PDB file of all heavy atoms in Angstrom:
ATOM      1  N   ARG A   1      80.221 103.861 105.375  1.00  0.00           N
ATOM      2  CA  ARG A   1      79.492 103.743 104.050  1.00  0.00           C
ATOM      3  C   ARG A   1      79.950 102.446 103.366  1.00  0.00           C
ATOM      4  O   ARG A   1      78.937 101.744 102.718  1.00  0.00           O
ATOM      5  CB  ARG A   1      79.872 104.916 103.186  1.00  0.00           C
ATOM      6  CG  ARG A   1      78.909 105.206 102.080  1.00  0.00           C
ATOM      7  CD  ARG A   1      79.066 106.642 101.615  1.00  0.00           C
ATOM      8  NE  ARG A   1      80.395 107.059 101.191  1.00  0.00           N
ATOM      9  CZ  ARG A   1      81.120 108.001 101.944  1.00  0.00           C
ATOM     10  NH1 ARG A   1      80.533 108.641 102.988  1.00  0.00           N
ATOM     11  NH2 ARG A   1      82.327 108.297 101.474  1.00  0.00           N
ATOM     12  N   ALA A   2      81.101 101.941 103.485  1.00  0.00           N
ATOM     13  CA  ALA A   2      81.523 100.729 102.888  1.00  0.00           C
ATOM     14  C   ALA A   2      81.191  99.391 103.763  1.00  0.00           C
ATOM     15  O   ALA A   2      81.463  98.348 103.317  1.00  0.00           O
ATOM     16  CB  ALA A   2      83.113 100.773 102.664  1.00  0.00           C
ATOM     17  N   GLY A   3      80.651  99.678 104.896  1.00  0.00           N
ATOM     18  CA  GLY A   3      80.317  98.538 105.768  1.00  0.00           C
ATOM     19  C   GLY A   3      81.589  98.016 106.554  1.00  0.00           C
ATOM     20  O   GLY A   3      81.555  96.883 107.056  1.00  0.00           O
ATOM     21  N   ALA A   4      82.703  98.836 106.551  1.00  0.00           N
ATOM     22  CA  ALA A   4      83.797  98.437 107.319  1.00  0.00           C
ATOM     23  C   ALA A   4      83.774  98.792 108.765  1.00  0.00           C
ATOM     24  O   ALA A   4      84.795  99.332 109.216  1.00  0.00           O
ATOM     25  CB  ALA A   4      85.043  99.034 106.583  1.00  0.00           C
ATOM     26  N   HIS A   5      82.683  98.531 109.405  1.00  0.00           N
ATOM     27  CA  HIS A   5      82.619  98.844 110.886  1.00  0.00           C
ATOM     28  C   HIS A   5      83.612  98.143 111.724  1.00  0.00           C
ATOM     29  O   HIS A   5      83.989  98.677 112.764  1.00  0.00           O
ATOM     30  CB  HIS A   5      81.211  98.516 111.293  1.00  0.00           C
ATOM     31  CG  HIS A   5      80.154  99.083 110.470  1.00  0.00           C
ATOM     32  ND1 HIS A   5      79.735 100.477 110.546  1.00  0.00           N
ATOM     33  CD2 HIS A   5      79.275  98.619 109.521  1.00  0.00           C
ATOM     34  CE1 HIS A   5      78.828 100.692 109.765  1.00  0.00           C
ATOM     35  NE2 HIS A   5      78.484  99.567 109.040  1.00  0.00           N
ATOM     36  N   ASP A   6      84.029  96.977 111.292  1.00  0.00           N
ATOM     37  CA  ASP A   6      85.014  96.200 111.978  1.00  0.00           C
ATOM     38  C   ASP A   6      86.436  96.939 112.137  1.00  0.00           C
ATOM     39  O   ASP A   6      87.259  96.465 112.988  1.00  0.00           O
ATOM     40  CB  ASP A   6      85.210  94.846 111.362  1.00  0.00           C
ATOM     41  CG  ASP A   6      85.577  94.816 109.975  1.00  0.00           C
ATOM     42  OD1 ASP A   6      85.237  95.800 109.294  1.00  0.00           O
ATOM     43  OD2 ASP A   6      86.222  93.801 109.493  1.00  0.00           O
ATOM     44  N   ALA A   7      86.659  97.932 111.270  1.00  0.00           N
ATOM     45  CA  ALA A   7      87.959  98.568 111.244  1.00  0.00           C
ATOM     46  C   ALA A   7      88.006  99.722 112.198  1.00  0.00           C
ATOM     47  O   ALA A   7      89.012 100.397 112.359  1.00  0.00           O
ATOM     48  CB  ALA A   7      88.361  98.954 109.841  1.00  0.00           C
ATOM     49  N   LEU A   8      86.839 100.252 112.714  1.00  0.00           N
ATOM     50  CA  LEU A   8      86.792 101.456 113.433  1.00  0.00           C
ATOM     51  C   LEU A   8      87.579 101.516 114.681  1.00  0.00           C
ATOM     52  O   LEU A   8      88.311 102.457 114.972  1.00  0.00           O
ATOM     53  CB  LEU A   8      85.351 101.826 113.759  1.00  0.00           C
ATOM     54  CG  LEU A   8      84.443 102.118 112.543  1.00  0.00           C
ATOM     55  CD1 LEU A   8      83.019 102.377 112.875  1.00  0.00           C
ATOM     56  CD2 LEU A   8      84.936 103.315 111.698  1.00  0.00           C
ATOM     57  N   ASP A   9      87.578 100.322 115.445  1.00  0.00           N
ATOM     58  CA  ASP A   9      88.291 100.249 116.721  1.00  0.00           C
ATOM     59  C   ASP A   9      89.869 100.381 116.439  1.00  0.00           C
ATOM     60  O   ASP A   9      90.496 101.053 117.115  1.00  0.00           O
ATOM     61  CB  ASP A   9      87.947  98.946 117.417  1.00  0.00           C
ATOM     62  CG  ASP A   9      86.659  99.005 118.121  1.00  0.00           C
ATOM     63  OD1 ASP A   9      86.067 100.100 118.170  1.00  0.00           O
ATOM     64  OD2 ASP A   9      86.089  97.888 118.425  1.00  0.00           O
ATOM     65  N   GLU A  10      90.310  99.623 115.381  1.00  0.00           N
ATOM     66  CA  GLU A  10      91.702  99.653 115.068  1.00  0.00           C
ATOM     67  C   GLU A  10      92.086 101.135 114.549  1.00  0.00           C
ATOM     68  O   GLU A  10      93.151 101.591 114.932  1.00  0.00           O
ATOM     69  CB  GLU A  10      91.990  98.736 113.909  1.00  0.00           C
ATOM     70  CG  GLU A  10      93.475  98.651 113.524  1.00  0.00           C
ATOM     71  CD  GLU A  10      93.789  97.796 112.372  1.00  0.00           C
ATOM     72  OE1 GLU A  10      92.870  97.212 111.810  1.00  0.00           O
ATOM     73  OE2 GLU A  10      94.974  97.533 112.144  1.00  0.00           O
ATOM     74  N   LEU A  11      91.205 101.737 113.791  1.00  0.00           N
ATOM     75  CA  LEU A  11      91.486 103.051 113.306  1.00  0.00           C
ATOM     76  C   LEU A  11      91.695 104.124 114.468  1.00  0.00           C
ATOM     77  O   LEU A  11      92.578 104.938 114.518  1.00  0.00           O
ATOM     78  CB  LEU A  11      90.346 103.587 112.370  1.00  0.00           C
ATOM     79  CG  LEU A  11      90.669 104.991 111.708  1.00  0.00           C
ATOM     80  CD1 LEU A  11      91.883 104.992 110.846  1.00  0.00           C
ATOM     81  CD2 LEU A  11      89.478 105.464 111.058  1.00  0.00           C
ATOM     82  N   HIS A  12      90.760 103.911 115.574  1.00  0.00           N
ATOM     83  CA  HIS A  12      90.877 104.839 116.648  1.00  0.00           C
ATOM     84  C   HIS A  12      92.151 104.532 117.454  1.00  0.00           C
ATOM     85  O   HIS A  12      92.776 105.547 118.020  1.00  0.00           O
ATOM     86  CB  HIS A  12      89.728 104.715 117.506  1.00  0.00           C
ATOM     87  CG  HIS A  12      88.426 105.505 117.009  1.00  0.00           C
ATOM     88  ND1 HIS A  12      88.402 106.779 116.782  1.00  0.00           N
ATOM     89  CD2 HIS A  12      87.340 104.955 116.491  1.00  0.00           C
ATOM     90  CE1 HIS A  12      87.274 107.216 116.215  1.00  0.00           C
ATOM     91  NE2 HIS A  12      86.574 106.140 116.025  1.00  0.00           N
ATOM     92  N   GLU A  13      92.659 103.273 117.454  1.00  0.00           N
ATOM     93  CA  GLU A  13      93.907 103.041 118.136  1.00  0.00           C
ATOM     94  C   GLU A  13      95.006 103.777 117.383  1.00  0.00           C
ATOM     95  O   GLU A  13      95.920 104.286 117.984  1.00  0.00           O
ATOM     96  CB  GLU A  13      94.219 101.515 118.114  1.00  0.00           C
ATOM     97  CG  GLU A  13      93.250 100.691 119.037  1.00  0.00           C
ATOM     98  CD  GLU A  13      93.583  99.230 118.965  1.00  0.00           C
ATOM     99  OE1 GLU A  13      94.728  98.888 118.432  1.00  0.00           O
ATOM    100  OE2 GLU A  13      92.808  98.444 119.492  1.00  0.00           O
ATOM    101  N   VAL A  14      94.985 103.714 116.001  1.00  0.00           N
ATOM    102  CA  VAL A  14      96.024 104.416 115.270  1.00  0.00           C
ATOM    103  C   VAL A  14      95.872 105.986 115.599  1.00  0.00           C
ATOM    104  O   VAL A  14      96.920 106.641 115.648  1.00  0.00           O
ATOM    105  CB  VAL A  14      95.777 104.145 113.806  1.00  0.00           C
ATOM    106  CG1 VAL A  14      96.798 105.017 112.966  1.00  0.00           C
ATOM    107  CG2 VAL A  14      96.063 102.680 113.473  1.00  0.00           C
ATOM    108  N   GLY A  15      94.655 106.400 115.641  1.00  0.00           N
ATOM    109  CA  GLY A  15      94.456 107.823 115.897  1.00  0.00           C
ATOM    110  C   GLY A  15      94.926 108.393 117.255  1.00  0.00           C
ATOM    111  O   GLY A  15      95.599 109.414 117.300  1.00  0.00           O
ATOM    112  N   ARG A  16      94.729 107.453 118.191  1.00  0.00           N
ATOM    113  CA  ARG A  16      95.341 107.952 119.563  1.00  0.00           C
ATOM    114  C   ARG A  16      96.860 107.864 119.630  1.00  0.00           C
ATOM    115  O   ARG A  16      97.419 108.759 120.294  1.00  0.00           O
ATOM    116  CB  ARG A  16      94.667 106.995 120.603  1.00  0.00           C
ATOM    117  CG  ARG A  16      93.241 107.292 120.877  1.00  0.00           C
ATOM    118  CD  ARG A  16      92.665 106.549 122.175  1.00  0.00           C
ATOM    119  NE  ARG A  16      92.568 105.135 121.749  1.00  0.00           N
ATOM    120  CZ  ARG A  16      91.478 104.546 121.296  1.00  0.00           C
ATOM    121  NH1 ARG A  16      90.425 105.307 120.947  1.00  0.00           N
ATOM    122  NH2 ARG A  16      91.336 103.285 121.107  1.00  0.00           N
ATOM    123  N   LEU A  17      97.369 106.883 118.941  1.00  0.00           N
ATOM    124  CA  LEU A  17      98.932 106.862 118.861  1.00  0.00           C
ATOM    125  C   LEU A  17      99.442 108.131 118.036  1.00  0.00           C
ATOM    126  O   LEU A  17     100.327 108.822 118.506  1.00  0.00           O
ATOM    127  CB  LEU A  17      99.283 105.579 118.188  1.00  0.00           C
ATOM    128  CG  LEU A  17     100.813 105.366 118.099  1.00  0.00           C
ATOM    129  CD1 LEU A  17     101.467 105.432 119.480  1.00  0.00           C
ATOM    130  CD2 LEU A  17     101.167 104.051 117.389  1.00  0.00           C
ATOM    131  N   ALA A  18      98.789 108.366 116.875  1.00  0.00           N
ATOM    132  CA  ALA A  18      99.263 109.479 116.073  1.00  0.00           C
ATOM    133  C   ALA A  18      99.042 110.832 116.696  1.00  0.00           C
ATOM    134  O   ALA A  18      99.889 111.771 116.587  1.00  0.00           O
ATOM    135  CB  ALA A  18      98.442 109.545 114.710  1.00  0.00           C
ATOM    136  N   GLY A  19      98.004 111.050 117.650  1.00  0.00           N
ATOM    137  CA  GLY A  19      97.815 112.179 118.305  1.00  0.00           C
ATOM    138  C   GLY A  19      98.557 112.246 119.630  1.00  0.00           C
ATOM    139  O   GLY A  19      98.323 113.302 120.360  1.00  0.00           O
ATOM    140  N   GLY A  20      99.247 111.229 119.982  1.00  0.00           N
ATOM    141  CA  GLY A  20      99.948 111.255 121.294  1.00  0.00           C
ATOM    142  C   GLY A  20     101.415 111.812 121.237  1.00  0.00           C
ATOM    143  O   GLY A  20     102.093 111.924 120.177  1.00  0.00           O
ATOM    144  N   ALA A  21     101.810 112.104 122.371  1.00  0.00           N
ATOM    145  CA  ALA A  21     103.197 112.822 122.420  1.00  0.00           C
ATOM    146  C   ALA A  21     104.337 111.951 121.959  1.00  0.00           C
ATOM    147  O   ALA A  21     105.285 112.482 121.434  1.00  0.00           O
ATOM    148  CB  ALA A  21     103.391 113.206 123.884  1.00  0.00           C
ATOM    149  N   THR A  22     104.161 110.692 122.171  1.00  0.00           N
ATOM    150  CA  THR A  22     105.256 109.796 121.866  1.00  0.00           C
ATOM    151  C   THR A  22     105.530 109.645 120.417  1.00  0.00           C
ATOM    152  O   THR A  22     106.711 109.910 119.808  1.00  0.00           O
ATOM    153  CB  THR A  22     105.008 108.340 122.329  1.00  0.00           C
ATOM    154  OG1 THR A  22     105.073 108.319 123.812  1.00  0.00           O
ATOM    155  CG2 THR A  22     106.197 107.385 121.979  1.00  0.00           C
ATOM    156  N   ALA A  23     104.574 109.474 119.550  1.00  0.00           N
ATOM    157  CA  ALA A  23     104.665 109.400 118.162  1.00  0.00           C
ATOM    158  C   ALA A  23     104.984 110.663 117.593  1.00  0.00           C
ATOM    159  O   ALA A  23     105.750 110.821 116.610  1.00  0.00           O
ATOM    160  CB  ALA A  23     103.347 108.924 117.486  1.00  0.00           C
ATOM    161  N   GLN A  24     104.464 111.761 118.167  1.00  0.00           N
ATOM    162  CA  GLN A  24     104.806 113.095 117.618  1.00  0.00           C
ATOM    163  C   GLN A  24     106.289 113.349 117.830  1.00  0.00           C
ATOM    164  O   GLN A  24     106.956 114.023 116.933  1.00  0.00           O
ATOM    165  CB  GLN A  24     103.937 114.124 118.275  1.00  0.00           C
ATOM    166  CG  GLN A  24     102.445 114.098 117.860  1.00  0.00           C
ATOM    167  CD  GLN A  24     101.649 115.359 118.408  1.00  0.00           C
ATOM    168  OE1 GLN A  24     102.221 116.333 118.810  1.00  0.00           O
ATOM    169  NE2 GLN A  24     100.403 115.220 118.300  1.00  0.00           N
ATOM    170  N   ARG A  25     106.829 112.908 118.906  1.00  0.00           N
ATOM    171  CA  ARG A  25     108.204 113.119 119.185  1.00  0.00           C
ATOM    172  C   ARG A  25     109.092 112.320 118.241  1.00  0.00           C
ATOM    173  O   ARG A  25     110.075 112.798 117.789  1.00  0.00           O
ATOM    174  CB  ARG A  25     108.509 112.617 120.629  1.00  0.00           C
ATOM    175  CG  ARG A  25     109.988 112.793 121.080  1.00  0.00           C
ATOM    176  CD  ARG A  25     110.458 114.260 121.051  1.00  0.00           C
ATOM    177  NE  ARG A  25     111.812 114.394 121.505  1.00  0.00           N
ATOM    178  CZ  ARG A  25     112.592 115.466 121.208  1.00  0.00           C
ATOM    179  NH1 ARG A  25     112.175 116.427 120.493  1.00  0.00           N
ATOM    180  NH2 ARG A  25     113.782 115.499 121.751  1.00  0.00           N
ATOM    181  N   TRP A  26     108.621 111.150 117.859  1.00  0.00           N
ATOM    182  CA  TRP A  26     109.332 110.302 116.836  1.00  0.00           C
ATOM    183  C   TRP A  26     109.389 111.194 115.513  1.00  0.00           C
ATOM    184  O   TRP A  26     110.456 111.218 114.915  1.00  0.00           O
ATOM    185  CB  TRP A  26     108.601 108.985 116.499  1.00  0.00           C
ATOM    186  CG  TRP A  26     108.615 107.966 117.660  1.00  0.00           C
ATOM    187  CD1 TRP A  26     109.474 107.948 118.608  1.00  0.00           C
ATOM    188  CD2 TRP A  26     107.770 106.861 117.784  1.00  0.00           C
ATOM    189  NE1 TRP A  26     109.239 106.843 119.483  1.00  0.00           N
ATOM    190  CE2 TRP A  26     108.173 106.217 118.935  1.00  0.00           C
ATOM    191  CE3 TRP A  26     106.641 106.415 116.981  1.00  0.00           C
ATOM    192  CZ2 TRP A  26     107.411 105.035 119.329  1.00  0.00           C
ATOM    193  CZ3 TRP A  26     105.995 105.245 117.384  1.00  0.00           C
ATOM    194  CH2 TRP A  26     106.401 104.601 118.453  1.00  0.00           C
ATOM    195  N   GLY A  27     108.326 111.767 115.129  1.00  0.00           N
ATOM    196  CA  GLY A  27     108.309 112.529 113.845  1.00  0.00           C
ATOM    197  C   GLY A  27     109.195 113.716 113.996  1.00  0.00           C
ATOM    198  O   GLY A  27     109.888 114.046 113.040  1.00  0.00           O
ATOM    199  N   ASP A  28     109.222 114.384 115.108  1.00  0.00           N
ATOM    200  CA  ASP A  28     110.097 115.582 115.291  1.00  0.00           C
ATOM    201  C   ASP A  28     111.602 115.143 115.211  1.00  0.00           C
ATOM    202  O   ASP A  28     112.321 115.893 114.608  1.00  0.00           O
ATOM    203  CB  ASP A  28     109.830 116.162 116.636  1.00  0.00           C
ATOM    204  CG  ASP A  28     108.547 116.928 116.790  1.00  0.00           C
ATOM    205  OD1 ASP A  28     107.871 117.151 115.754  1.00  0.00           O
ATOM    206  OD2 ASP A  28     108.120 117.164 117.916  1.00  0.00           O
ATOM    207  N   LEU A  29     111.974 113.959 115.886  1.00  0.00           N
ATOM    208  CA  LEU A  29     113.311 113.544 115.865  1.00  0.00           C
ATOM    209  C   LEU A  29     113.717 113.114 114.490  1.00  0.00           C
ATOM    210  O   LEU A  29     114.854 113.422 113.974  1.00  0.00           O
ATOM    211  CB  LEU A  29     113.506 112.394 116.839  1.00  0.00           C
ATOM    212  CG  LEU A  29     113.462 112.771 118.293  1.00  0.00           C
ATOM    213  CD1 LEU A  29     113.437 111.538 119.244  1.00  0.00           C
ATOM    214  CD2 LEU A  29     114.597 113.757 118.684  1.00  0.00           C
ATOM    215  N   ALA A  30     112.908 112.419 113.726  1.00  0.00           N
ATOM    216  CA  ALA A  30     113.234 111.980 112.374  1.00  0.00           C
ATOM    217  C   ALA A  30     113.410 113.179 111.415  1.00  0.00           C
ATOM    218  O   ALA A  30     114.362 113.159 110.552  1.00  0.00           O
ATOM    219  CB  ALA A  30     112.196 111.028 111.935  1.00  0.00           C
ATOM    220  N   GLU A  31     112.686 114.268 111.678  1.00  0.00           N
ATOM    221  CA  GLU A  31     112.738 115.380 110.803  1.00  0.00           C
ATOM    222  C   GLU A  31     114.023 116.135 111.145  1.00  0.00           C
ATOM    223  O   GLU A  31     114.663 116.741 110.323  1.00  0.00           O
ATOM    224  CB  GLU A  31     111.481 116.279 111.026  1.00  0.00           C
ATOM    225  CG  GLU A  31     111.535 117.609 110.365  1.00  0.00           C
ATOM    226  CD  GLU A  31     111.284 117.485 108.879  1.00  0.00           C
ATOM    227  OE1 GLU A  31     110.953 116.426 108.339  1.00  0.00           O
ATOM    228  OE2 GLU A  31     111.306 118.576 108.185  1.00  0.00           O
ATOM    229  N   ALA A  32     114.281 116.209 112.441  1.00  0.00           N
ATOM    230  CA  ALA A  32     115.421 117.122 112.903  1.00  0.00           C
ATOM    231  C   ALA A  32     116.727 116.549 112.688  1.00  0.00           C
ATOM    232  O   ALA A  32     117.744 117.237 112.487  1.00  0.00           O
ATOM    233  CB  ALA A  32     115.256 117.384 114.335  1.00  0.00           C
ATOM    234  N   HIS A  33     116.821 115.229 112.483  1.00  0.00           N
ATOM    235  CA  HIS A  33     118.097 114.505 112.307  1.00  0.00           C
ATOM    236  C   HIS A  33     118.014 113.711 110.948  1.00  0.00           C
ATOM    237  O   HIS A  33     117.704 112.543 110.945  1.00  0.00           O
ATOM    238  CB  HIS A  33     118.405 113.597 113.453  1.00  0.00           C
ATOM    239  CG  HIS A  33     118.438 114.174 114.807  1.00  0.00           C
ATOM    240  ND1 HIS A  33     117.608 113.761 115.790  1.00  0.00           N
ATOM    241  CD2 HIS A  33     118.977 115.371 115.197  1.00  0.00           C
ATOM    242  CE1 HIS A  33     117.803 114.567 116.797  1.00  0.00           C
ATOM    243  NE2 HIS A  33     118.642 115.577 116.447  1.00  0.00           N
TER     244      HIS A  33
END
């Protein structure tokens, strides 16, 4: 809506990292310790 189409690819890169096992493990470890 804002015309920020150039940001979509970067956002999906963030999304795949956030939804991946590695980053989720970082969150688990930081929370557990």
